[in-house]
Amino acid sequence: MGRWEPNARGRLAEAALELYSERGFEQTTVAEIAGRAGLTERTYFRHYADKREVLFSNSELQDLLVAATEGAPAALAPIDVLAVGLDAVSEMFEDRRAHARKRQAVIAANAELQERELIKLASLSAALAGTLRRRGVPEPAAGLTAEAGIAVFKVGFERWLAESEERGMATVMRELLGELKAVAAGGHGHGA
């Protein structure tokens, strides 16, 4: 009996972000999100487990990071494999800065959402470490590289979202990766 709803998932995600931005996460109900998207609550729950998941359910980021690092040339050092992954992720976000800023503002305003974001980043790190291990990088190097990579991504993402930042994400990520390499080599970085 279910009707096909074109891009229901995307419509729900957009409606949720709009409402969370306008009213706040806590004050918004699933019924309101579904209504804004022109869909039913039942349709909402077919796509998302709860009110939070609509902000975090995108596995595209992890899939892209894993695929890019798996496909990096075999001769690359682990940190340079990381650069390949960050470049791929940066490309994915290139036209999404306004959306990402809005999403981050919603997350920053709610401790429960901040916690969920950290869990997602930990999951990203674990996936990256697994990819590095499959490439033959031993422990603890695989885990350290993955954690450092996620730290670069987190700090770089926050920088890229800053109102004053106009450079592309890839440029910001490469700069921070250079800073990490400098610090790891015993320097103090370049300061930015």
C-alpha atoms as a PDB file:
ATOM      1  CA  MET A   1       0.000   0.000   0.000  1.00  0.00           C
ATOM      2  CA  GLY A   2       2.993   2.310   0.524  1.00  0.00           C
ATOM      3  CA  ARG A   3       3.352   5.019  -2.089  1.00  0.00           C
ATOM      4  CA  TRP A   4       6.736   5.738  -3.578  1.00  0.00           C
ATOM      5  CA  GLU A   5       7.945   9.079  -2.237  1.00  0.00           C
ATOM      6  CA  PRO A   6      10.606  10.693  -4.426  1.00  0.00           C
ATOM      7  CA  ASN A   7      13.722  11.519  -2.388  1.00  0.00           C
ATOM      8  CA  ALA A   8      11.851  11.091   0.903  1.00  0.00           C
ATOM      9  CA  ARG A   9      15.128  10.619   2.780  1.00  0.00           C
ATOM     10  CA  GLY A  10      16.653  13.842   1.455  1.00  0.00           C
ATOM     11  CA  ARG A  11      13.434  15.799   1.993  1.00  0.00           C
ATOM     12  CA  LEU A  12      13.240  14.613   5.600  1.00  0.00           C
ATOM     13  CA  ALA A  13      16.884  15.497   6.250  1.00  0.00           C
ATOM     14  CA  GLU A  14      16.434  18.977   4.814  1.00  0.00           C
ATOM     15  CA  ALA A  15      13.185  19.567   6.729  1.00  0.00           C
ATOM     16  CA  ALA A  16      14.821  18.421   9.971  1.00  0.00           C
ATOM     17  CA  LEU A  17      17.794  20.725   9.515  1.00  0.00           C
ATOM     18  CA  GLU A  18      15.530  23.692   8.756  1.00  0.00           C
ATOM     19  CA  LEU A  19      13.372  23.047  11.823  1.00  0.00           C
ATOM     20  CA  TYR A  20      16.326  22.363  14.126  1.00  0.00           C
ATOM     21  CA  SER A  21      17.867  25.646  12.943  1.00  0.00           C
ATOM     22  CA  GLU A  22      14.631  27.609  13.399  1.00  0.00           C
ATOM     23  CA  ARG A  23      13.352  26.102  16.673  1.00  0.00           C
ATOM     24  CA  GLY A  24      16.158  24.070  18.139  1.00  0.00           C
ATOM     25  CA  PHE A  25      16.621  20.309  18.247  1.00  0.00           C
ATOM     26  CA  GLU A  26      14.778  19.758  21.536  1.00  0.00           C
ATOM     27  CA  GLN A  27      11.698  21.730  20.497  1.00  0.00           C
ATOM     28  CA  THR A  28      11.227  19.948  17.162  1.00  0.00           C
ATOM     29  CA  THR A  29       9.114  16.777  16.859  1.00  0.00           C
ATOM     30  CA  VAL A  30       9.302  13.995  14.286  1.00  0.00           C
ATOM     31  CA  ALA A  31       5.704  14.822  13.310  1.00  0.00           C
ATOM     32  CA  GLU A  32       6.759  18.402  12.497  1.00  0.00           C
ATOM     33  CA  ILE A  33       9.717  17.198  10.427  1.00  0.00           C
ATOM     34  CA  ALA A  34       7.528  14.796   8.457  1.00  0.00           C
ATOM     35  CA  GLY A  35       4.899  17.510   7.976  1.00  0.00           C
ATOM     36  CA  ARG A  36       7.466  20.021   6.705  1.00  0.00           C
ATOM     37  CA  ALA A  37       8.705  17.399   4.226  1.00  0.00           C
ATOM     38  CA  GLY A  38       5.136  16.611   3.117  1.00  0.00           C
ATOM     39  CA  LEU A  39       5.444  13.045   4.411  1.00  0.00           C
ATOM     40  CA  THR A  40       4.064  10.953   7.254  1.00  0.00           C
ATOM     41  CA  GLU A  41       5.683  10.072  10.575  1.00  0.00           C
ATOM     42  CA  ARG A  42       5.590   6.471   9.460  1.00  0.00           C
ATOM     43  CA  THR A  43       7.669   7.366   6.407  1.00  0.00           C
ATOM     44  CA  TYR A  44      10.119   9.201   8.680  1.00  0.00           C
ATOM     45  CA  PHE A  45      10.665   6.092  10.787  1.00  0.00           C
ATOM     46  CA  ARG A  46      11.161   3.944   7.678  1.00  0.00           C
ATOM     47  CA  HIS A  47      14.231   6.073   6.944  1.00  0.00           C
ATOM     48  CA  TYR A  48      15.530   7.155  10.369  1.00  0.00           C
ATOM     49  CA  ALA A  49      15.536   5.418  13.746  1.00  0.00           C
ATOM     50  CA  ASP A  50      15.120   8.600  15.772  1.00  0.00           C
ATOM     51  CA  LYS A  51      15.262  12.380  15.777  1.00  0.00           C
ATOM     52  CA  ARG A  52      19.077  12.469  16.007  1.00  0.00           C
ATOM     53  CA  GLU A  53      19.842   9.976  13.279  1.00  0.00           C
ATOM     54  CA  VAL A  54      18.630  12.327  10.557  1.00  0.00           C
ATOM     55  CA  LEU A  55      21.763  14.408  11.236  1.00  0.00           C
ATOM     56  CA  PHE A  56      24.167  11.455  11.344  1.00  0.00           C
ATOM     57  CA  SER A  57      22.949   8.669   9.091  1.00  0.00           C
ATOM     58  CA  ASN A  58      25.043   9.580   6.060  1.00  0.00           C
ATOM     59  CA  SER A  59      27.584   6.786   5.550  1.00  0.00           C
ATOM     60  CA  GLU A  60      28.851   8.503   2.381  1.00  0.00           C
ATOM     61  CA  LEU A  61      31.723  10.156   4.272  1.00  0.00           C
ATOM     62  CA  GLN A  62      33.055   6.893   5.727  1.00  0.00           C
ATOM     63  CA  ASP A  63      32.573   4.995   2.467  1.00  0.00           C
ATOM     64  CA  LEU A  64      34.451   7.679   0.542  1.00  0.00           C
ATOM     65  CA  LEU A  65      37.313   7.892   3.054  1.00  0.00           C
ATOM     66  CA  VAL A  66      37.748   4.119   3.087  1.00  0.00           C
ATOM     67  CA  ALA A  67      37.568   3.806  -0.722  1.00  0.00           C
ATOM     68  CA  ALA A  68      40.053   6.644  -1.290  1.00  0.00           C
ATOM     69  CA  THR A  69      42.571   5.309   1.229  1.00  0.00           C
ATOM     70  CA  GLU A  70      42.195   1.755  -0.088  1.00  0.00           C
ATOM     71  CA  GLY A  71      42.812   3.010  -3.614  1.00  0.00           C
ATOM     72  CA  ALA A  72      45.869   5.134  -2.778  1.00  0.00           C
ATOM     73  CA  PRO A  73      49.143   4.057  -4.440  1.00  0.00           C
ATOM     74  CA  ALA A  74      50.813   1.191  -2.549  1.00  0.00           C
ATOM     75  CA  ALA A  75      54.162   2.993  -2.190  1.00  0.00           C
ATOM     76  CA  LEU A  76      52.730   5.901  -0.175  1.00  0.00           C
ATOM     77  CA  ALA A  77      53.629   6.371   3.478  1.00  0.00           C
ATOM     78  CA  PRO A  78      50.622   6.094   5.844  1.00  0.00           C
ATOM     79  CA  ILE A  79      50.439   9.878   6.378  1.00  0.00           C
ATOM     80  CA  ASP A  80      50.325  10.401   2.606  1.00  0.00           C
ATOM     81  CA  VAL A  81      47.583   7.779   2.277  1.00  0.00           C
ATOM     82  CA  LEU A  82      45.734   9.929   4.778  1.00  0.00           C
ATOM     83  CA  ALA A  83      46.210  12.958   2.501  1.00  0.00           C
ATOM     84  CA  VAL A  84      44.560  11.059  -0.369  1.00  0.00           C
ATOM     85  CA  GLY A  85      41.576  10.279   1.862  1.00  0.00           C
ATOM     86  CA  LEU A  86      41.270  13.866   3.099  1.00  0.00           C
ATOM     87  CA  ASP A  87      41.414  15.160  -0.476  1.00  0.00           C
ATOM     88  CA  ALA A  88      38.541  12.870  -1.480  1.00  0.00           C
ATOM     89  CA  VAL A  89      36.448  13.911   1.526  1.00  0.00           C
ATOM     90  CA  SER A  90      37.202  17.586   0.837  1.00  0.00           C
ATOM     91  CA  GLU A  91      35.920  17.213  -2.703  1.00  0.00           C
ATOM     92  CA  MET A  92      32.668  15.734  -1.382  1.00  0.00           C
ATOM     93  CA  PHE A  93      32.089  18.797   0.814  1.00  0.00           C
ATOM     94  CA  GLU A  94      33.125  21.408  -1.745  1.00  0.00           C
ATOM     95  CA  ASP A  95      29.619  22.703  -2.480  1.00  0.00           C
ATOM     96  CA  ARG A  96      28.153  21.960   0.947  1.00  0.00           C
ATOM     97  CA  ARG A  97      29.666  24.665   3.161  1.00  0.00           C
ATOM     98  CA  ALA A  98      26.380  26.495   3.885  1.00  0.00           C
ATOM     99  CA  HIS A  99      24.623  23.213   4.717  1.00  0.00           C
ATOM    100  CA  ALA A 100      27.543  22.036   6.864  1.00  0.00           C
ATOM    101  CA  ARG A 101      27.600  25.342   8.776  1.00  0.00           C
ATOM    102  CA  LYS A 102      23.896  25.020   9.539  1.00  0.00           C
ATOM    103  CA  ARG A 103      24.307  21.388  10.666  1.00  0.00           C
ATOM    104  CA  GLN A 104      27.296  22.232  12.891  1.00  0.00           C
ATOM    105  CA  ALA A 105      25.378  25.076  14.547  1.00  0.00           C
ATOM    106  CA  VAL A 106      22.554  22.666  15.441  1.00  0.00           C
ATOM    107  CA  ILE A 107      25.038  20.125  16.834  1.00  0.00           C
ATOM    108  CA  ALA A 108      27.009  22.762  18.774  1.00  0.00           C
ATOM    109  CA  ALA A 109      23.817  23.817  20.566  1.00  0.00           C
ATOM    110  CA  ASN A 110      23.080  20.351  21.990  1.00  0.00           C
ATOM    111  CA  ALA A 111      25.335  18.193  24.198  1.00  0.00           C
ATOM    112  CA  GLU A 112      23.605  14.947  23.134  1.00  0.00           C
ATOM    113  CA  LEU A 113      24.276  15.757  19.468  1.00  0.00           C
ATOM    114  CA  GLN A 114      27.895  16.674  20.218  1.00  0.00           C
ATOM    115  CA  GLU A 115      28.321  13.276  21.841  1.00  0.00           C
ATOM    116  CA  ARG A 116      26.786  11.565  18.810  1.00  0.00           C
ATOM    117  CA  GLU A 117      29.184  13.482  16.536  1.00  0.00           C
ATOM    118  CA  LEU A 118      32.163  12.224  18.566  1.00  0.00           C
ATOM    119  CA  ILE A 119      30.876   8.655  18.260  1.00  0.00           C
ATOM    120  CA  LYS A 120      30.660   9.074  14.487  1.00  0.00           C
ATOM    121  CA  LEU A 121      34.237  10.423  14.380  1.00  0.00           C
ATOM    122  CA  ALA A 122      35.431   7.442  16.466  1.00  0.00           C
ATOM    123  CA  SER A 123      33.722   5.108  14.011  1.00  0.00           C
ATOM    124  CA  LEU A 124      35.428   6.936  11.132  1.00  0.00           C
ATOM    125  CA  SER A 125      38.797   6.514  12.862  1.00  0.00           C
ATOM    126  CA  ALA A 126      38.207   2.776  13.381  1.00  0.00           C
ATOM    127  CA  ALA A 127      37.285   2.340   9.699  1.00  0.00           C
ATOM    128  CA  LEU A 128      40.392   4.258   8.629  1.00  0.00           C
ATOM    129  CA  ALA A 129      42.642   2.215  10.955  1.00  0.00           C
ATOM    130  CA  GLY A 130      41.183  -0.981   9.502  1.00  0.00           C
ATOM    131  CA  THR A 131      41.920   0.220   5.986  1.00  0.00           C
ATOM    132  CA  LEU A 132      45.506   1.082   6.917  1.00  0.00           C
ATOM    133  CA  ARG A 133      45.972  -2.359   8.518  1.00  0.00           C
ATOM    134  CA  ARG A 134      44.672  -4.016   5.334  1.00  0.00           C
ATOM    135  CA  ARG A 135      47.291  -1.987   3.449  1.00  0.00           C
ATOM    136  CA  GLY A 136      49.963  -3.595   5.647  1.00  0.00           C
ATOM    137  CA  VAL A 137      50.471  -0.780   8.158  1.00  0.00           C
ATOM    138  CA  PRO A 138      51.190  -2.452  11.528  1.00  0.00           C
ATOM    139  CA  GLU A 139      49.893  -1.372  14.922  1.00  0.00           C
ATOM    140  CA  PRO A 140      50.360   0.987  16.625  1.00  0.00           C
ATOM    141  CA  ALA A 141      51.126   2.988  13.450  1.00  0.00           C
ATOM    142  CA  ALA A 142      47.733   2.240  11.838  1.00  0.00           C
ATOM    143  CA  GLY A 143      45.756   3.366  14.877  1.00  0.00           C
ATOM    144  CA  LEU A 144      47.925   6.427  15.491  1.00  0.00           C
ATOM    145  CA  THR A 145      47.722   7.503  11.847  1.00  0.00           C
ATOM    146  CA  ALA A 146      43.944   7.040  11.791  1.00  0.00           C
ATOM    147  CA  GLU A 147      43.446   9.001  15.030  1.00  0.00           C
ATOM    148  CA  ALA A 148      45.754  11.776  13.785  1.00  0.00           C
ATOM    149  CA  GLY A 149      43.864  11.825  10.500  1.00  0.00           C
ATOM    150  CA  ILE A 150      40.523  12.235  12.221  1.00  0.00           C
ATOM    151  CA  ALA A 151      42.023  15.004  14.386  1.00  0.00           C
ATOM    152  CA  VAL A 152      43.170  16.799  11.213  1.00  0.00           C
ATOM    153  CA  PHE A 153      39.711  16.293   9.705  1.00  0.00           C
ATOM    154  CA  LYS A 154      37.931  17.593  12.839  1.00  0.00           C
ATOM    155  CA  VAL A 155      40.130  20.674  13.248  1.00  0.00           C
ATOM    156  CA  GLY A 156      40.178  21.304   9.493  1.00  0.00           C
ATOM    157  CA  PHE A 157      36.415  20.971   9.207  1.00  0.00           C
ATOM    158  CA  GLU A 158      35.893  23.488  12.019  1.00  0.00           C
ATOM    159  CA  ARG A 159      38.337  25.898  10.352  1.00  0.00           C
ATOM    160  CA  TRP A 160      36.685  25.455   6.969  1.00  0.00           C
ATOM    161  CA  LEU A 161      33.284  26.248   8.492  1.00  0.00           C
ATOM    162  CA  ALA A 162      34.485  29.506  10.069  1.00  0.00           C
ATOM    163  CA  GLU A 163      32.744  32.542   8.557  1.00  0.00           C
ATOM    164  CA  SER A 164      36.134  34.131   7.843  1.00  0.00           C
ATOM    165  CA  GLU A 165      37.434  31.095   5.907  1.00  0.00           C
ATOM    166  CA  GLU A 166      37.070  31.317   2.142  1.00  0.00           C
ATOM    167  CA  ARG A 167      39.609  28.729   0.997  1.00  0.00           C
ATOM    168  CA  GLY A 168      38.514  25.296  -0.151  1.00  0.00           C
ATOM    169  CA  MET A 169      38.455  22.431   2.315  1.00  0.00           C
ATOM    170  CA  ALA A 170      41.284  20.580   0.534  1.00  0.00           C
ATOM    171  CA  THR A 171      43.590  23.575   1.021  1.00  0.00           C
ATOM    172  CA  VAL A 172      42.730  23.812   4.716  1.00  0.00           C
ATOM    173  CA  MET A 173      43.200  20.051   5.224  1.00  0.00           C
ATOM    174  CA  ARG A 174      46.556  20.009   3.396  1.00  0.00           C
ATOM    175  CA  GLU A 175      47.781  22.950   5.480  1.00  0.00           C
ATOM    176  CA  LEU A 176      46.865  21.187   8.735  1.00  0.00           C
ATOM    177  CA  LEU A 177      48.395  17.916   7.579  1.00  0.00           C
ATOM    178  CA  GLY A 178      51.594  19.878   6.907  1.00  0.00           C
ATOM    179  CA  GLU A 179      51.377  21.299  10.438  1.00  0.00           C
ATOM    180  CA  LEU A 180      50.987  17.782  11.853  1.00  0.00           C
ATOM    181  CA  LYS A 181      54.014  16.539   9.878  1.00  0.00           C
ATOM    182  CA  ALA A 182      56.081  19.496  11.131  1.00  0.00           C
ATOM    183  CA  VAL A 183      55.086  18.886  14.755  1.00  0.00           C
ATOM    184  CA  ALA A 184      55.729  15.128  14.431  1.00  0.00           C
ATOM    185  CA  ALA A 185      59.183  15.864  12.958  1.00  0.00           C
ATOM    186  CA  GLY A 186      60.058  17.825  16.092  1.00  0.00           C
ATOM    187  CA  GLY A 187      59.174  21.301  14.884  1.00  0.00           C
ATOM    188  CA  HIS A 188      56.554  23.692  16.201  1.00  0.00           C
ATOM    189  CA  GLY A 189      54.504  23.840  13.015  1.00  0.00           C
ATOM    190  CA  HIS A 190      54.161  27.036  11.052  1.00  0.00           C
ATOM    191  CA  GLY A 191      51.320  28.647  12.965  1.00  0.00           C
ATOM    192  CA  ALA A 192      48.336  29.750  10.926  1.00  0.00           C
END
